[in-house]
Amino acid sequence: MKVNERVRHIRKLKGLTQVTVAEKLDIPTQTYNSYELGRRKIYVELIKQIAEILDEPVENFFEDKIYESKNLSTLT
């Protein structure tokens, strides 16, 4: 699941609307909607703000494995 999809999923689980989150971020609802739909990149600072609004740890917006080598077999 991509970051924007996780943001949307967690927001819905918390029972908040896009309008509510956008208002708390002090940005237009359309802009927030673009973040959730993946039309705009969500930067780390914005993720931190969204995490605070949703009362969720920042790491929950990212996949478990942030980095994985493409050539693990060549290391052994």
PDB file of N, CA and C in Angstrom:
ATOM      1  N   MET A   1       0.852  -1.177   0.000  1.00  0.00           N
ATOM      2  CA  MET A   1       0.000   0.000   0.000  1.00  0.00           C
ATOM      3  C   MET A   1       0.899   1.242   0.000  1.00  0.00           C
ATOM      4  N   LYS A   2       0.600   2.180  -0.852  1.00  0.00           N
ATOM      5  CA  LYS A   2       1.384   3.412  -0.945  1.00  0.00           C
ATOM      6  C   LYS A   2       1.037   4.345   0.214  1.00  0.00           C
ATOM      7  N   VAL A   3       1.911   5.318   0.453  1.00  0.00           N
ATOM      8  CA  VAL A   3       1.723   6.251   1.571  1.00  0.00           C
ATOM      9  C   VAL A   3       0.370   6.951   1.471  1.00  0.00           C
ATOM     10  N   ASN A   4       0.034   7.456   0.295  1.00  0.00           N
ATOM     11  CA  ASN A   4      -1.239   8.168   0.149  1.00  0.00           C
ATOM     12  C   ASN A   4      -2.430   7.253   0.459  1.00  0.00           C
ATOM     13  N   GLU A   5      -2.322   5.990   0.073  1.00  0.00           N
ATOM     14  CA  GLU A   5      -3.397   5.037   0.356  1.00  0.00           C
ATOM     15  C   GLU A   5      -3.498   4.754   1.853  1.00  0.00           C
ATOM     16  N   ARG A   6      -2.347   4.688   2.514  1.00  0.00           N
ATOM     17  CA  ARG A   6      -2.354   4.471   3.969  1.00  0.00           C
ATOM     18  C   ARG A   6      -2.957   5.666   4.697  1.00  0.00           C
ATOM     19  N   VAL A   7      -2.636   6.872   4.228  1.00  0.00           N
ATOM     20  CA  VAL A   7      -3.206   8.080   4.832  1.00  0.00           C
ATOM     21  C   VAL A   7      -4.729   8.023   4.738  1.00  0.00           C
ATOM     22  N   ARG A   8      -5.227   7.720   3.558  1.00  0.00           N
ATOM     23  CA  ARG A   8      -6.674   7.646   3.338  1.00  0.00           C
ATOM     24  C   ARG A   8      -7.300   6.567   4.223  1.00  0.00           C
ATOM     25  N   HIS A   9      -6.663   5.384   4.248  1.00  0.00           N
ATOM     26  CA  HIS A   9      -7.176   4.259   5.029  1.00  0.00           C
ATOM     27  C   HIS A   9      -7.249   4.605   6.525  1.00  0.00           C
ATOM     28  N   ILE A  10      -6.167   5.141   7.054  1.00  0.00           N
ATOM     29  CA  ILE A  10      -6.122   5.480   8.477  1.00  0.00           C
ATOM     30  C   ILE A  10      -7.129   6.585   8.805  1.00  0.00           C
ATOM     31  N   ARG A  11      -7.221   7.580   7.926  1.00  0.00           N
ATOM     32  CA  ARG A  11      -8.195   8.671   8.156  1.00  0.00           C
ATOM     33  C   ARG A  11      -9.605   8.111   8.248  1.00  0.00           C
ATOM     34  N   LYS A  12      -9.940   7.203   7.336  1.00  0.00           N
ATOM     35  CA  LYS A  12     -11.282   6.610   7.347  1.00  0.00           C
ATOM     36  C   LYS A  12     -11.510   5.774   8.598  1.00  0.00           C
ATOM     37  N   LEU A  13     -10.477   5.013   9.018  1.00  0.00           N
ATOM     38  CA  LEU A  13     -10.601   4.231  10.250  1.00  0.00           C
ATOM     39  C   LEU A  13     -10.866   5.116  11.462  1.00  0.00           C
ATOM     40  N   LYS A  14     -10.299   6.314  11.440  1.00  0.00           N
ATOM     41  CA  LYS A  14     -10.478   7.253  12.550  1.00  0.00           C
ATOM     42  C   LYS A  14     -11.813   7.980  12.473  1.00  0.00           C
ATOM     43  N   GLY A  15     -12.531   7.799  11.343  1.00  0.00           N
ATOM     44  CA  GLY A  15     -13.849   8.415  11.199  1.00  0.00           C
ATOM     45  C   GLY A  15     -13.815   9.898  10.872  1.00  0.00           C
ATOM     46  N   LEU A  16     -12.702  10.359  10.294  1.00  0.00           N
ATOM     47  CA  LEU A  16     -12.587  11.766   9.935  1.00  0.00           C
ATOM     48  C   LEU A  16     -12.793  11.965   8.445  1.00  0.00           C
ATOM     49  N   THR A  17     -13.307  13.124   8.081  1.00  0.00           N
ATOM     50  CA  THR A  17     -13.499  13.446   6.666  1.00  0.00           C
ATOM     51  C   THR A  17     -12.281  14.177   6.128  1.00  0.00           C
ATOM     52  N   GLN A  18     -12.172  14.219   4.810  1.00  0.00           N
ATOM     53  CA  GLN A  18     -11.108  14.990   4.183  1.00  0.00           C
ATOM     54  C   GLN A  18     -11.246  16.462   4.548  1.00  0.00           C
ATOM     55  N   VAL A  19     -12.458  16.947   4.634  1.00  0.00           N
ATOM     56  CA  VAL A  19     -12.705  18.352   4.981  1.00  0.00           C
ATOM     57  C   VAL A  19     -12.125  18.666   6.356  1.00  0.00           C
ATOM     58  N   THR A  20     -12.368  17.795   7.321  1.00  0.00           N
ATOM     59  CA  THR A  20     -11.875  18.001   8.686  1.00  0.00           C
ATOM     60  C   THR A  20     -10.352  18.054   8.720  1.00  0.00           C
ATOM     61  N   VAL A  21      -9.706  17.088   8.069  1.00  0.00           N
ATOM     62  CA  VAL A  21      -8.244  17.036   8.076  1.00  0.00           C
ATOM     63  C   VAL A  21      -7.671  18.249   7.349  1.00  0.00           C
ATOM     64  N   ALA A  22      -8.251  18.600   6.202  1.00  0.00           N
ATOM     65  CA  ALA A  22      -7.782  19.758   5.442  1.00  0.00           C
ATOM     66  C   ALA A  22      -7.891  21.042   6.266  1.00  0.00           C
ATOM     67  N   GLU A  23      -8.995  21.192   6.982  1.00  0.00           N
ATOM     68  CA  GLU A  23      -9.168  22.378   7.836  1.00  0.00           C
ATOM     69  C   GLU A  23      -8.097  22.433   8.919  1.00  0.00           C
ATOM     70  N   LYS A  24      -7.807  21.295   9.533  1.00  0.00           N
ATOM     71  CA  LYS A  24      -6.785  21.270  10.586  1.00  0.00           C
ATOM     72  C   LYS A  24      -5.387  21.540  10.028  1.00  0.00           C
ATOM     73  N   LEU A  25      -5.162  21.163   8.750  1.00  0.00           N
ATOM     74  CA  LEU A  25      -3.884  21.443   8.094  1.00  0.00           C
ATOM     75  C   LEU A  25      -3.834  22.862   7.544  1.00  0.00           C
ATOM     76  N   ASP A  26      -4.981  23.514   7.520  1.00  0.00           N
ATOM     77  CA  ASP A  26      -5.122  24.866   6.964  1.00  0.00           C
ATOM     78  C   ASP A  26      -4.758  24.893   5.475  1.00  0.00           C
ATOM     79  N   ILE A  27      -5.287  23.891   4.754  1.00  0.00           N
ATOM     80  CA  ILE A  27      -5.111  23.836   3.309  1.00  0.00           C
ATOM     81  C   ILE A  27      -6.485  23.586   2.674  1.00  0.00           C
ATOM     82  N   PRO A  28      -6.648  23.912   1.394  1.00  0.00           N
ATOM     83  CA  PRO A  28      -7.927  23.634   0.730  1.00  0.00           C
ATOM     84  C   PRO A  28      -8.222  22.131   0.684  1.00  0.00           C
ATOM     85  N   THR A  29      -9.486  21.784   0.766  1.00  0.00           N
ATOM     86  CA  THR A  29      -9.893  20.387   0.712  1.00  0.00           C
ATOM     87  C   THR A  29      -9.436  19.731  -0.587  1.00  0.00           C
ATOM     88  N   GLN A  30      -9.497  20.457  -1.691  1.00  0.00           N
ATOM     89  CA  GLN A  30      -9.061  19.910  -2.979  1.00  0.00           C
ATOM     90  C   GLN A  30      -7.579  19.537  -2.952  1.00  0.00           C
ATOM     91  N   THR A  31      -6.784  20.335  -2.287  1.00  0.00           N
ATOM     92  CA  THR A  31      -5.357  20.040  -2.171  1.00  0.00           C
ATOM     93  C   THR A  31      -5.152  18.764  -1.366  1.00  0.00           C
ATOM     94  N   TYR A  32      -5.846  18.668  -0.246  1.00  0.00           N
ATOM     95  CA  TYR A  32      -5.731  17.463   0.577  1.00  0.00           C
ATOM     96  C   TYR A  32      -6.187  16.233  -0.204  1.00  0.00           C
ATOM     97  N   ASN A  33      -7.285  16.365  -0.934  1.00  0.00           N
ATOM     98  CA  ASN A  33      -7.797  15.281  -1.757  1.00  0.00           C
ATOM     99  C   ASN A  33      -6.744  14.821  -2.763  1.00  0.00           C
ATOM    100  N   SER A  34      -6.011  15.764  -3.343  1.00  0.00           N
ATOM    101  CA  SER A  34      -4.956  15.430  -4.304  1.00  0.00           C
ATOM    102  C   SER A  34      -3.841  14.625  -3.654  1.00  0.00           C
ATOM    103  N   TYR A  35      -3.539  14.913  -2.390  1.00  0.00           N
ATOM    104  CA  TYR A  35      -2.538  14.123  -1.668  1.00  0.00           C
ATOM    105  C   TYR A  35      -3.015  12.686  -1.504  1.00  0.00           C
ATOM    106  N   GLU A  36      -4.246  12.520  -1.072  1.00  0.00           N
ATOM    107  CA  GLU A  36      -4.770  11.177  -0.841  1.00  0.00           C
ATOM    108  C   GLU A  36      -4.898  10.377  -2.133  1.00  0.00           C
ATOM    109  N   LEU A  37      -5.187  11.045  -3.224  1.00  0.00           N
ATOM    110  CA  LEU A  37      -5.331  10.353  -4.509  1.00  0.00           C
ATOM    111  C   LEU A  37      -3.996  10.110  -5.207  1.00  0.00           C
ATOM    112  N   GLY A  38      -2.916  10.640  -4.638  1.00  0.00           N
ATOM    113  CA  GLY A  38      -1.597  10.438  -5.218  1.00  0.00           C
ATOM    114  C   GLY A  38      -1.288  11.391  -6.367  1.00  0.00           C
ATOM    115  N   ARG A  39      -2.074  12.425  -6.518  1.00  0.00           N
ATOM    116  CA  ARG A  39      -1.828  13.416  -7.570  1.00  0.00           C
ATOM    117  C   ARG A  39      -0.757  14.417  -7.161  1.00  0.00           C
ATOM    118  N   ARG A  40      -0.529  14.535  -5.854  1.00  0.00           N
ATOM    119  CA  ARG A  40       0.523  15.372  -5.285  1.00  0.00           C
ATOM    120  C   ARG A  40       1.354  14.510  -4.359  1.00  0.00           C
ATOM    121  N   LYS A  41       2.641  14.783  -4.306  1.00  0.00           N
ATOM    122  CA  LYS A  41       3.512  14.054  -3.387  1.00  0.00           C
ATOM    123  C   LYS A  41       3.286  14.535  -1.961  1.00  0.00           C
ATOM    124  N   ILE A  42       3.242  13.603  -1.042  1.00  0.00           N
ATOM    125  CA  ILE A  42       3.110  13.936   0.373  1.00  0.00           C
ATOM    126  C   ILE A  42       4.513  13.969   0.963  1.00  0.00           C
ATOM    127  N   TYR A  43       4.940  15.129   1.379  1.00  0.00           N
ATOM    128  CA  TYR A  43       6.275  15.286   1.946  1.00  0.00           C
ATOM    129  C   TYR A  43       6.278  14.933   3.428  1.00  0.00           C
ATOM    130  N   VAL A  44       7.448  14.650   3.943  1.00  0.00           N
ATOM    131  CA  VAL A  44       7.604  14.174   5.317  1.00  0.00           C
ATOM    132  C   VAL A  44       6.970  15.128   6.329  1.00  0.00           C
ATOM    133  N   GLU A  45       7.182  16.416   6.154  1.00  0.00           N
ATOM    134  CA  GLU A  45       6.610  17.375   7.114  1.00  0.00           C
ATOM    135  C   GLU A  45       5.086  17.296   7.141  1.00  0.00           C
ATOM    136  N   LEU A  46       4.486  17.086   5.982  1.00  0.00           N
ATOM    137  CA  LEU A  46       3.031  16.960   5.916  1.00  0.00           C
ATOM    138  C   LEU A  46       2.579  15.659   6.560  1.00  0.00           C
ATOM    139  N   ILE A  47       3.327  14.596   6.342  1.00  0.00           N
ATOM    140  CA  ILE A  47       3.004  13.313   6.981  1.00  0.00           C
ATOM    141  C   ILE A  47       3.026  13.472   8.498  1.00  0.00           C
ATOM    142  N   LYS A  48       4.015  14.190   9.002  1.00  0.00           N
ATOM    143  CA  LYS A  48       4.102  14.425  10.453  1.00  0.00           C
ATOM    144  C   LYS A  48       2.858  15.147  10.959  1.00  0.00           C
ATOM    145  N   GLN A  49       2.417  16.157  10.227  1.00  0.00           N
ATOM    146  CA  GLN A  49       1.221  16.909  10.623  1.00  0.00           C
ATOM    147  C   GLN A  49      -0.027  16.030  10.571  1.00  0.00           C
ATOM    148  N   ILE A  50      -0.139  15.249   9.497  1.00  0.00           N
ATOM    149  CA  ILE A  50      -1.294  14.364   9.358  1.00  0.00           C
ATOM    150  C   ILE A  50      -1.293  13.318  10.479  1.00  0.00           C
ATOM    151  N   ALA A  51      -0.133  12.769  10.789  1.00  0.00           N
ATOM    152  CA  ALA A  51      -0.017  11.782  11.867  1.00  0.00           C
ATOM    153  C   ALA A  51      -0.483  12.366  13.194  1.00  0.00           C
ATOM    154  N   GLU A  52      -0.107  13.599  13.440  1.00  0.00           N
ATOM    155  CA  GLU A  52      -0.524  14.259  14.678  1.00  0.00           C
ATOM    156  C   GLU A  52      -2.037  14.455  14.705  1.00  0.00           C
ATOM    157  N   ILE A  53      -2.604  14.896  13.594  1.00  0.00           N
ATOM    158  CA  ILE A  53      -4.057  15.110  13.511  1.00  0.00           C
ATOM    159  C   ILE A  53      -4.805  13.795  13.720  1.00  0.00           C
ATOM    160  N   LEU A  54      -4.296  12.723  13.107  1.00  0.00           N
ATOM    161  CA  LEU A  54      -4.958  11.419  13.202  1.00  0.00           C
ATOM    162  C   LEU A  54      -4.565  10.650  14.456  1.00  0.00           C
ATOM    163  N   ASP A  55      -3.672  11.244  15.264  1.00  0.00           N
ATOM    164  CA  ASP A  55      -3.193  10.614  16.493  1.00  0.00           C
ATOM    165  C   ASP A  55      -2.665   9.201  16.200  1.00  0.00           C
ATOM    166  N   GLU A  56      -1.736   9.173  15.251  1.00  0.00           N
ATOM    167  CA  GLU A  56      -1.178   7.916  14.760  1.00  0.00           C
ATOM    168  C   GLU A  56       0.335   8.069  14.639  1.00  0.00           C
ATOM    169  N   PRO A  57       1.109   7.043  15.002  1.00  0.00           N
ATOM    170  CA  PRO A  57       2.567   7.124  14.835  1.00  0.00           C
ATOM    171  C   PRO A  57       2.937   7.274  13.352  1.00  0.00           C
ATOM    172  N   VAL A  58       3.926   8.096  13.064  1.00  0.00           N
ATOM    173  CA  VAL A  58       4.347   8.371  11.694  1.00  0.00           C
ATOM    174  C   VAL A  58       4.704   7.083  10.957  1.00  0.00           C
ATOM    175  N   GLU A  59       5.373   6.169  11.646  1.00  0.00           N
ATOM    176  CA  GLU A  59       5.817   4.943  10.979  1.00  0.00           C
ATOM    177  C   GLU A  59       4.668   4.100  10.434  1.00  0.00           C
ATOM    178  N   ASN A  60       3.453   4.300  10.932  1.00  0.00           N
ATOM    179  CA  ASN A  60       2.304   3.542  10.441  1.00  0.00           C
ATOM    180  C   ASN A  60       1.888   3.942   9.027  1.00  0.00           C
ATOM    181  N   PHE A  61       2.457   5.019   8.516  1.00  0.00           N
ATOM    182  CA  PHE A  61       2.129   5.475   7.173  1.00  0.00           C
ATOM    183  C   PHE A  61       3.092   4.897   6.127  1.00  0.00           C
ATOM    184  N   PHE A  62       4.078   4.140   6.586  1.00  0.00           N
ATOM    185  CA  PHE A  62       5.078   3.586   5.690  1.00  0.00           C
ATOM    186  C   PHE A  62       5.064   2.068   5.751  1.00  0.00           C
ATOM    187  N   GLU A  63       5.579   1.438   4.698  1.00  0.00           N
ATOM    188  CA  GLU A  63       5.678  -0.009   4.672  1.00  0.00           C
ATOM    189  C   GLU A  63       6.688  -0.476   5.710  1.00  0.00           C
ATOM    190  N   ASP A  64       6.579  -1.726   6.084  1.00  0.00           N
ATOM    191  CA  ASP A  64       7.496  -2.290   7.076  1.00  0.00           C
ATOM    192  C   ASP A  64       8.937  -2.250   6.602  1.00  0.00           C
ATOM    193  N   LYS A  65       9.179  -2.566   5.347  1.00  0.00           N
ATOM    194  CA  LYS A  65      10.523  -2.565   4.798  1.00  0.00           C
ATOM    195  C   LYS A  65      10.722  -1.301   3.977  1.00  0.00           C
ATOM    196  N   ILE A  66      11.472  -0.381   4.499  1.00  0.00           N
ATOM    197  CA  ILE A  66      11.727   0.866   3.794  1.00  0.00           C
ATOM    198  C   ILE A  66      12.799   0.660   2.739  1.00  0.00           C
ATOM    199  N   TYR A  67      13.802  -0.181   3.029  1.00  0.00           N
ATOM    200  CA  TYR A  67      14.874  -0.415   2.075  1.00  0.00           C
ATOM    201  C   TYR A  67      15.149  -1.914   1.980  1.00  0.00           C
ATOM    202  N   GLU A  68      15.256  -2.375   0.764  1.00  0.00           N
ATOM    203  CA  GLU A  68      15.617  -3.762   0.552  1.00  0.00           C
ATOM    204  C   GLU A  68      16.528  -3.822  -0.666  1.00  0.00           C
ATOM    205  N   SER A  69      17.669  -4.440  -0.519  1.00  0.00           N
ATOM    206  CA  SER A  69      18.623  -4.539  -1.618  1.00  0.00           C
ATOM    207  C   SER A  69      18.044  -5.383  -2.737  1.00  0.00           C
ATOM    208  N   LYS A  70      18.273  -4.951  -3.966  1.00  0.00           N
ATOM    209  CA  LYS A  70      17.798  -5.701  -5.135  1.00  0.00           C
ATOM    210  C   LYS A  70      18.680  -6.904  -5.412  1.00  0.00           C
ATOM    211  N   ASN A  71      19.902  -6.896  -4.912  1.00  0.00           N
ATOM    212  CA  ASN A  71      20.862  -7.951  -5.208  1.00  0.00           C
ATOM    213  C   ASN A  71      21.326  -8.668  -3.955  1.00  0.00           C
ATOM    214  N   LEU A  72      20.403  -9.126  -3.138  1.00  0.00           N
ATOM    215  CA  LEU A  72      20.777  -9.821  -1.900  1.00  0.00           C
ATOM    216  C   LEU A  72      21.597 -11.075  -2.176  1.00  0.00           C
ATOM    217  N   SER A  73      21.323 -11.761  -3.269  1.00  0.00           N
ATOM    218  CA  SER A  73      22.037 -13.010  -3.556  1.00  0.00           C
ATOM    219  C   SER A  73      23.520 -12.773  -3.856  1.00  0.00           C
ATOM    220  N   THR A  74      23.873 -11.578  -4.311  1.00  0.00           N
ATOM    221  CA  THR A  74      25.265 -11.291  -4.629  1.00  0.00           C
ATOM    222  C   THR A  74      26.095 -10.970  -3.393  1.00  0.00           C
ATOM    223  N   LEU A  75      25.435 -10.800  -2.239  1.00  0.00           N
ATOM    224  CA  LEU A  75      26.142 -10.447  -1.018  1.00  0.00           C
ATOM    225  C   LEU A  75      26.673 -11.670  -0.282  1.00  0.00           C
ATOM    226  N   THR A  76      26.189 -12.840  -0.620  1.00  0.00           N
ATOM    227  CA  THR A  76      26.615 -14.046   0.105  1.00  0.00           C
ATOM    228  C   THR A  76      27.739 -14.767  -0.585  1.00  0.00           C
TER     229      THR A  76
END
